[in-house]
Amino acid sequence: MLSLDVISSFAICGIAALAGAGLLRPSQGYDEASTAVLRISRDAFILMGVGMSQILLHPAPVPLWSMATLAFASTGGLTMMAWALAALSGRVVSRGTMWLALGVLLVACAALAPLGVRGVTWFVTWGLAAASALVMGMAHRLVLRPRGLDERLTGLLMVAVAASSACRLVYLFAWEGPYETHLLHLPQTLVMLYALMYGVLPILAVILVLNVLNARLQGRLHQLAMTDALTGTLSRAALAEGAALLRARLSAGRQRLAVLMVDLDNFKTVNDTLGHAAGDQVLRRAAVMLRSAVRPDALLARYGGEEFVVMVPVADLDAACQVAERLRVLLAQAPWNDLQPGLQGLTTSVGVTLLETGEPMERALSRADEALYRAKNGGRNQVQVGAAP
């Protein structure tokens, strides 16, 4: 009765693996790495599912070739998961090497199968131990440096599989009884625990892989929403969020938050005469220069078109004006001709103000924008100060 129960759990494991394979669709990968994770994981679960569920087709006693197929499917599937989890941890993986490893396993299984149940037992026990060690080696970052709860749980699952496989190998060395067709040569108290673990392992692994990929996708979408695609600076949404945090940090100290509106003069002429590609290059270069000229905790955002917003902690309005003047001179003296032949005399106008205590951020931005408008009307290439509220 024990053998039938354990073998049934293997069949359940195979059915669960096939169900998991149906959930892993490579077409839903959002980049090359995630597509590789989904494709290799799907193939691994298909191998395990077909190889393990086929045992249902055979009444007891299970024929030797069916046991060997089950053994190869379980070890081969776990070996393939080493490549999938390596891709999940950020490594570039070679599918050719993976297929070579599967070929070695197949040869080893074919060589040991003629020894009967004993040979298949030693193959599957050693194979699972080696495959789980391979998983740990190729995807160790998920164990040592997990990023988030889902990666941590994936690492713990890897450790559990490796520990259970090593324990199974240790007990096999001490085994003195006859070799059983269920291939689990463990104390009776552990046999059903292993059978239960193997039954739920595929679905648990699929859930964790999908959760990790979904968490990363959410993070990427958030990053895209918070970053200007052209210049790499903050978006408006990210500026508002960052400004609130920066304002809260400065509220307990003596520093003030300066708000600078920086606008490239006559930028439309650049697009009209040199093309939009040249204009994009100018914007990217301007963003890099602005970022390098302010302190690390300053916020830099592309506010729209050729207009940037800089928010930087300063001591007072004079210090804010000095920052604005430094940025104006920096951009005015930049070797724009090196970036785009024919581009000369590109200047910048700046409107600057200080955020007052309790003042809404939108009002400070409006005052900086009004100062920028005066700088434009006053002849450009200058700094103007926004009036206090």
Protein backbone atom coordinates (compact mmCIF):
# COMPACT_ATOMS: atom_id res chain seq x y z
CA MET A 1 0.00 0.00 0.00
CA LEU A 2 2.94 2.34 0.79
CA SER A 3 4.45 1.90 -2.69
CA LEU A 4 1.13 2.64 -4.36
CA ASP A 5 0.68 5.81 -2.29
CA VAL A 6 4.16 7.13 -3.10
CA ILE A 7 3.87 6.28 -6.78
CA SER A 8 0.51 8.04 -6.84
CA SER A 9 2.19 11.13 -5.41
CA PHE A 10 4.73 10.97 -8.24
CA ALA A 11 1.86 10.89 -10.71
CA ILE A 12 0.27 13.86 -8.95
CA CYS A 13 3.60 15.65 -9.21
CA GLY A 14 3.60 14.99 -12.94
CA ILE A 15 0.06 16.25 -13.40
CA ALA A 16 0.88 19.36 -11.36
CA ALA A 17 3.95 19.92 -13.52
CA LEU A 18 1.83 19.78 -16.69
CA ALA A 19 -0.63 22.24 -15.16
CA GLY A 20 2.27 24.51 -14.25
CA ALA A 21 3.66 24.29 -17.78
CA GLY A 22 0.32 25.53 -19.06
CA LEU A 23 0.68 28.66 -16.93
CA LEU A 24 4.18 29.46 -18.18
CA ARG A 25 3.78 31.16 -21.55
CA PRO A 26 7.03 32.54 -23.02
CA SER A 27 5.04 34.96 -25.20
CA GLN A 28 4.27 36.92 -22.03
CA GLY A 29 7.94 37.65 -21.33
CA TYR A 30 8.66 41.38 -21.26
CA ASP A 31 12.35 41.05 -22.20
CA GLU A 32 14.86 38.44 -23.34
CA ALA A 33 15.71 37.28 -19.82
CA SER A 34 12.11 36.82 -18.67
CA THR A 35 11.26 35.03 -21.92
CA ALA A 36 14.17 32.63 -21.32
CA VAL A 37 12.97 31.96 -17.76
CA LEU A 38 9.44 31.18 -18.95
CA ARG A 39 10.52 29.05 -21.91
CA ILE A 40 13.07 26.91 -20.01
CA SER A 41 10.75 26.51 -17.00
CA ARG A 42 7.88 25.47 -19.27
CA ASP A 43 10.05 22.89 -21.04
CA ALA A 44 11.30 21.58 -17.69
CA PHE A 45 7.77 21.09 -16.37
CA ILE A 46 6.65 19.45 -19.62
CA LEU A 47 9.51 16.95 -19.27
CA MET A 48 8.65 16.27 -15.63
CA GLY A 49 4.93 16.15 -16.32
CA VAL A 50 5.05 13.69 -19.19
CA GLY A 51 7.78 11.53 -17.63
CA MET A 52 6.17 11.26 -14.22
CA SER A 53 2.47 11.11 -15.06
CA GLN A 54 3.02 8.19 -17.48
CA ILE A 55 3.33 5.97 -14.42
CA LEU A 56 -0.47 6.07 -14.15
CA LEU A 57 -0.71 3.96 -17.29
CA HIS A 58 0.90 0.95 -15.64
CA PRO A 59 -0.71 -1.24 -12.97
CA ALA A 60 1.49 -2.47 -10.15
CA PRO A 61 4.16 -3.70 -10.32
CA VAL A 62 5.48 -0.75 -12.33
CA PRO A 63 7.78 -1.91 -15.17
CA LEU A 64 11.44 -1.00 -14.97
CA TRP A 65 11.44 1.18 -18.08
CA SER A 66 8.61 3.26 -16.59
CA MET A 67 10.60 3.75 -13.39
CA ALA A 68 13.65 4.76 -15.43
CA THR A 69 11.54 7.25 -17.41
CA LEU A 70 10.24 8.75 -14.17
CA ALA A 71 13.78 8.97 -12.79
CA PHE A 72 15.13 10.72 -15.89
CA ALA A 73 12.17 13.11 -16.06
CA SER A 74 12.56 14.23 -12.45
CA THR A 75 16.34 14.68 -12.59
CA GLY A 76 16.24 16.20 -16.07
CA GLY A 77 13.47 18.63 -15.14
CA LEU A 78 15.34 19.79 -12.03
CA THR A 79 18.52 20.18 -14.11
CA MET A 80 16.67 22.39 -16.59
CA MET A 81 15.35 24.47 -13.71
CA ALA A 82 18.96 25.27 -12.84
CA TRP A 83 19.20 27.15 -16.15
CA ALA A 84 15.78 28.77 -15.67
CA LEU A 85 16.63 30.00 -12.17
CA ALA A 86 20.05 31.18 -13.35
CA ALA A 87 18.27 33.34 -15.93
CA LEU A 88 15.90 34.49 -13.19
CA SER A 89 18.88 35.58 -11.09
CA GLY A 90 20.22 37.68 -13.96
CA ARG A 91 22.77 35.39 -15.57
CA VAL A 92 23.08 34.85 -19.32
CA VAL A 93 22.45 31.15 -19.92
CA SER A 94 23.35 28.84 -22.79
CA ARG A 95 20.61 26.44 -23.84
CA GLY A 96 23.20 24.39 -25.74
CA THR A 97 25.00 23.57 -22.49
CA MET A 98 21.68 22.67 -20.90
CA TRP A 99 20.86 20.17 -23.66
CA LEU A 100 24.36 18.70 -23.27
CA ALA A 101 23.74 18.18 -19.55
CA LEU A 102 20.45 16.43 -20.33
CA GLY A 103 22.27 14.19 -22.79
CA VAL A 104 24.75 13.17 -20.10
CA LEU A 105 21.87 12.36 -17.75
CA LEU A 106 20.17 10.25 -20.41
CA VAL A 107 23.34 8.25 -21.03
CA ALA A 108 23.81 7.71 -17.28
CA CYS A 109 20.21 6.56 -16.88
CA ALA A 110 20.54 4.13 -19.80
CA ALA A 111 23.78 2.76 -18.33
CA LEU A 112 22.34 2.14 -14.85
CA ALA A 113 18.86 0.92 -15.83
CA PRO A 114 20.08 -2.64 -16.68
CA LEU A 115 21.00 -3.01 -12.99
CA GLY A 116 17.30 -3.04 -12.20
CA VAL A 117 15.60 -1.18 -9.37
CA ARG A 118 18.95 -0.73 -7.63
CA GLY A 119 20.46 1.01 -10.64
CA VAL A 120 17.46 3.31 -11.16
CA THR A 121 17.44 4.13 -7.44
CA TRP A 122 21.10 5.13 -7.42
CA PHE A 123 20.64 7.15 -10.61
CA VAL A 124 17.67 9.18 -9.40
CA THR A 125 19.15 9.76 -5.93
CA TRP A 126 22.54 10.88 -7.22
CA GLY A 127 20.91 12.74 -10.09
CA LEU A 128 18.61 14.80 -7.87
CA ALA A 129 21.48 15.61 -5.50
CA ALA A 130 23.68 16.74 -8.39
CA ALA A 131 20.87 18.71 -10.06
CA SER A 132 19.92 20.51 -6.85
CA ALA A 133 23.58 21.37 -6.26
CA LEU A 134 23.68 22.72 -9.81
CA VAL A 135 20.61 24.84 -9.07
CA MET A 136 22.31 26.28 -5.98
CA GLY A 137 25.50 27.00 -7.89
CA MET A 138 23.91 28.62 -10.93
CA ALA A 139 21.29 30.67 -9.08
CA HIS A 140 23.02 31.34 -5.76
CA ARG A 141 22.12 35.06 -5.88
CA LEU A 142 18.49 34.17 -5.14
CA VAL A 143 19.71 32.59 -1.90
CA LEU A 144 22.47 35.00 -0.89
CA ARG A 145 21.15 38.34 -2.20
CA PRO A 146 17.38 38.10 -2.73
CA ARG A 147 15.54 41.22 -3.86
CA GLY A 148 12.15 41.11 -2.26
CA LEU A 149 10.01 38.49 -0.56
CA ASP A 150 9.31 36.40 -3.68
CA GLU A 151 13.01 35.97 -4.46
CA ARG A 152 13.67 35.12 -0.82
CA LEU A 153 10.99 32.41 -0.90
CA THR A 154 12.41 31.07 -4.17
CA GLY A 155 15.83 30.85 -2.54
CA LEU A 156 14.39 29.04 0.45
CA LEU A 157 12.68 26.56 -1.87
CA MET A 158 16.01 25.93 -3.60
CA VAL A 159 17.67 25.29 -0.24
CA ALA A 160 14.85 22.92 0.80
CA VAL A 161 15.15 20.89 -2.42
CA ALA A 162 18.94 20.70 -2.09
CA ALA A 163 18.74 19.66 1.58
CA SER A 164 16.09 17.02 0.91
CA SER A 165 18.10 15.59 -1.99
CA ALA A 166 21.27 15.44 0.12
CA CYS A 167 19.34 13.77 2.96
CA ARG A 168 17.94 11.23 0.53
CA LEU A 169 21.48 10.42 -0.68
CA VAL A 170 22.77 9.99 2.89
CA TYR A 171 19.98 7.54 3.75
CA LEU A 172 20.63 5.58 0.56
CA PHE A 173 24.23 4.90 1.64
CA ALA A 174 22.93 3.45 4.90
CA TRP A 175 20.14 1.44 3.27
CA GLU A 176 20.35 -2.29 3.98
CA GLY A 177 16.95 -3.56 2.92
CA PRO A 178 15.67 -4.51 -0.51
CA TYR A 179 15.32 -1.79 -3.14
CA GLU A 180 11.72 -0.62 -3.48
CA THR A 181 9.93 0.39 -6.69
CA HIS A 182 8.93 3.74 -5.19
CA LEU A 183 12.65 4.66 -5.16
CA LEU A 184 12.39 6.43 -1.78
CA HIS A 185 14.71 4.54 0.54
CA LEU A 186 14.05 6.51 3.67
CA PRO A 187 12.70 5.87 7.18
CA GLN A 188 8.97 5.27 7.06
CA THR A 189 8.31 8.54 8.90
CA LEU A 190 9.96 10.49 6.08
CA VAL A 191 8.59 8.63 3.07
CA MET A 192 5.15 10.22 3.11
CA LEU A 193 6.64 13.64 3.91
CA TYR A 194 8.77 13.39 0.76
CA ALA A 195 5.80 12.13 -1.24
CA LEU A 196 3.74 15.12 -0.12
CA MET A 197 6.59 17.53 -0.91
CA TYR A 198 7.04 16.14 -4.42
CA GLY A 199 3.31 16.43 -5.01
CA VAL A 200 3.14 20.18 -4.33
CA LEU A 201 6.63 21.18 -5.50
CA PRO A 202 5.84 21.95 -9.18
CA ILE A 203 2.90 24.27 -8.52
CA LEU A 204 4.80 26.01 -5.73
CA ALA A 205 7.79 26.56 -8.04
CA VAL A 206 5.57 27.92 -10.83
CA ILE A 207 3.84 30.35 -8.46
CA LEU A 208 7.16 31.68 -7.17
CA VAL A 209 8.66 32.10 -10.66
CA LEU A 210 5.58 33.97 -11.88
CA ASN A 211 5.51 36.13 -8.74
CA VAL A 212 9.16 37.12 -9.16
CA LEU A 213 8.63 38.03 -12.81
CA ASN A 214 5.44 39.95 -12.05
CA ALA A 215 7.15 41.88 -9.24
CA ARG A 216 9.97 42.83 -11.58
CA LEU A 217 7.51 43.90 -14.26
CA GLN A 218 5.69 46.12 -11.77
CA GLY A 219 9.02 47.63 -10.76
CA ARG A 220 9.93 48.28 -14.37
CA LEU A 221 6.57 49.89 -15.10
CA HIS A 222 6.98 52.11 -12.05
CA GLN A 223 10.45 53.10 -13.20
CA LEU A 224 9.15 53.94 -16.66
CA ALA A 225 6.40 56.05 -15.13
CA MET A 226 8.95 57.88 -12.98
CA THR A 227 11.58 58.48 -15.67
CA ASP A 228 11.62 60.66 -18.77
CA ALA A 229 12.37 58.26 -21.61
CA LEU A 230 14.46 60.74 -23.62
CA THR A 231 16.71 62.33 -20.99
CA GLY A 232 16.65 59.83 -18.14
CA THR A 233 15.62 62.58 -15.72
CA LEU A 234 12.63 62.39 -13.42
CA SER A 235 9.11 62.59 -14.78
CA ARG A 236 6.58 65.07 -13.38
CA ALA A 237 5.07 62.36 -11.16
CA ALA A 238 8.48 61.42 -9.80
CA LEU A 239 9.33 65.09 -9.25
CA ALA A 240 6.22 65.58 -7.12
CA GLU A 241 6.97 62.47 -5.09
CA GLY A 242 10.65 63.34 -4.65
CA ALA A 243 9.90 66.96 -3.79
CA ALA A 244 7.53 65.89 -0.99
CA LEU A 245 10.24 63.67 0.53
CA LEU A 246 12.94 66.31 0.13
CA ARG A 247 10.70 68.98 1.63
CA ALA A 248 9.95 66.78 4.64
CA ARG A 249 13.67 66.20 5.20
CA LEU A 250 14.49 69.91 5.04
CA SER A 251 11.63 70.97 7.31
CA ALA A 252 13.60 70.08 10.43
CA GLY A 253 16.72 72.00 9.36
CA ARG A 254 17.74 75.46 8.29
CA GLN A 255 18.03 74.82 4.58
CA ARG A 256 15.41 75.94 2.08
CA LEU A 257 14.25 74.31 -1.13
CA ALA A 258 15.12 76.27 -4.26
CA VAL A 259 12.93 75.78 -7.32
CA LEU A 260 14.57 76.51 -10.68
CA MET A 261 12.89 76.55 -14.09
CA VAL A 262 15.57 76.07 -16.76
CA ASP A 263 14.63 76.60 -20.42
CA LEU A 264 16.86 76.32 -23.52
CA ASP A 265 16.58 79.50 -25.55
CA ASN A 266 15.38 79.33 -29.16
CA PHE A 267 15.24 75.55 -29.02
CA LYS A 268 12.61 75.44 -31.74
CA THR A 269 15.27 76.78 -34.14
CA VAL A 270 17.44 73.76 -33.39
CA ASN A 271 14.62 71.38 -34.32
CA ASP A 272 13.70 73.40 -37.42
CA THR A 273 17.23 73.77 -38.80
CA LEU A 274 19.04 70.63 -37.63
CA GLY A 275 16.15 68.21 -37.14
CA HIS A 276 14.47 66.60 -34.17
CA ALA A 277 17.24 64.01 -33.79
CA ALA A 278 19.71 66.82 -33.17
CA GLY A 279 17.25 68.41 -30.75
CA ASP A 280 17.02 65.14 -28.82
CA GLN A 281 20.82 65.01 -28.56
CA VAL A 282 20.87 68.53 -27.18
CA LEU A 283 18.25 67.68 -24.56
CA ARG A 284 20.14 64.57 -23.47
CA ARG A 285 23.42 66.51 -23.22
CA ALA A 286 21.73 69.33 -21.29
CA ALA A 287 20.27 66.82 -18.82
CA VAL A 288 23.70 65.25 -18.24
CA MET A 289 25.30 68.65 -17.67
CA LEU A 290 22.60 69.81 -15.29
CA ARG A 291 22.81 66.60 -13.29
CA SER A 292 26.60 66.90 -12.96
CA ALA A 293 26.40 70.53 -11.79
CA VAL A 294 24.06 70.09 -8.80
CA ARG A 295 24.47 68.28 -5.51
CA PRO A 296 23.57 64.55 -5.36
CA ASP A 297 20.36 65.07 -3.40
CA ALA A 298 18.99 67.63 -5.88
CA LEU A 299 16.03 66.70 -8.06
CA LEU A 300 16.17 67.11 -11.84
CA ALA A 301 13.10 66.62 -14.01
CA ARG A 302 12.17 67.32 -17.59
CA TYR A 303 9.06 69.42 -17.16
CA GLY A 304 8.05 69.58 -20.78
CA GLY A 305 9.64 70.18 -24.18
CA GLU A 306 13.01 71.90 -23.59
CA GLU A 307 12.15 72.93 -20.03
CA PHE A 308 13.76 71.38 -16.95
CA VAL A 309 13.01 71.81 -13.25
CA VAL A 310 15.77 71.68 -10.66
CA MET A 311 14.96 71.47 -6.96
CA VAL A 312 17.98 71.82 -4.71
CA PRO A 313 18.50 72.51 -0.97
CA VAL A 314 20.14 75.90 -0.37
CA ALA A 315 20.82 78.23 2.54
CA ASP A 316 18.94 81.24 1.15
CA LEU A 317 17.80 83.03 -1.99
CA ASP A 318 21.30 84.32 -2.78
CA ALA A 319 22.61 80.75 -2.80
CA ALA A 320 19.72 79.72 -5.04
CA CYS A 321 20.59 82.52 -7.49
CA GLN A 322 24.23 81.39 -7.48
CA VAL A 323 23.15 77.86 -8.42
CA ALA A 324 20.93 79.21 -11.19
CA GLU A 325 23.71 81.45 -12.56
CA ARG A 326 26.18 78.55 -12.50
CA LEU A 327 23.80 76.41 -14.54
CA ARG A 328 23.17 79.25 -17.00
CA VAL A 329 26.91 79.83 -17.58
CA LEU A 330 27.59 76.10 -17.82
CA LEU A 331 25.08 75.59 -20.61
CA ALA A 332 25.98 78.83 -22.40
CA GLN A 333 29.68 77.89 -22.54
CA ALA A 334 29.14 74.24 -23.49
CA PRO A 335 30.80 73.10 -26.75
CA TRP A 336 27.52 72.41 -28.51
CA ASN A 337 29.26 72.43 -31.89
CA ASP A 338 31.11 69.23 -30.89
CA LEU A 339 27.78 67.55 -30.36
CA GLN A 340 26.13 68.80 -33.52
CA PRO A 341 28.07 70.69 -36.25
CA GLY A 342 26.47 74.04 -36.95
CA LEU A 343 25.03 74.38 -33.46
CA GLN A 344 26.40 77.52 -31.78
CA GLY A 345 25.36 80.08 -29.22
CA LEU A 346 22.80 77.94 -27.41
CA THR A 347 21.86 79.82 -24.25
CA THR A 348 19.57 79.26 -21.30
CA SER A 349 17.08 81.29 -19.31
CA VAL A 350 16.39 80.48 -15.66
CA GLY A 351 13.61 81.41 -13.26
CA VAL A 352 14.36 80.82 -9.58
CA THR A 353 12.42 81.07 -6.34
CA LEU A 354 12.32 79.56 -2.86
CA LEU A 355 9.58 77.31 -1.59
CA GLU A 356 8.01 79.01 1.39
CA THR A 357 6.86 77.23 4.54
CA GLY A 358 3.41 75.77 4.00
CA GLU A 359 3.32 76.89 0.36
CA PRO A 360 1.90 74.39 -2.16
CA MET A 361 4.56 73.11 -4.54
CA GLU A 362 2.45 74.09 -7.54
CA ARG A 363 2.48 77.73 -6.46
CA ALA A 364 6.27 77.78 -6.16
CA LEU A 365 6.55 76.23 -9.60
CA SER A 366 4.20 78.87 -10.94
CA ARG A 367 6.34 81.66 -9.46
CA ALA A 368 9.51 80.13 -10.94
CA ASP A 369 7.76 79.84 -14.29
CA GLU A 370 6.68 83.50 -14.10
CA ALA A 371 10.30 84.46 -13.44
CA LEU A 372 11.39 82.37 -16.42
CA TYR A 373 8.83 84.18 -18.58
CA ARG A 374 10.36 87.51 -17.54
CA ALA A 375 13.84 86.21 -18.36
CA LYS A 376 12.65 85.24 -21.83
CA ASN A 377 10.99 88.60 -22.44
CA GLY A 378 13.99 90.44 -21.04
CA GLY A 379 16.34 89.18 -23.73
CA ARG A 380 16.99 85.57 -22.70
CA ASN A 381 20.29 84.12 -21.36
CA GLN A 382 19.65 85.44 -17.86
CA VAL A 383 18.37 84.56 -14.40
CA GLN A 384 15.25 86.12 -12.93
CA VAL A 385 13.88 85.73 -9.40
CA GLY A 386 10.26 84.90 -8.70
CA ALA A 387 8.54 87.23 -6.23
CA ALA A 388 7.74 85.90 -2.78
CA PRO A 389 4.04 85.08 -2.25
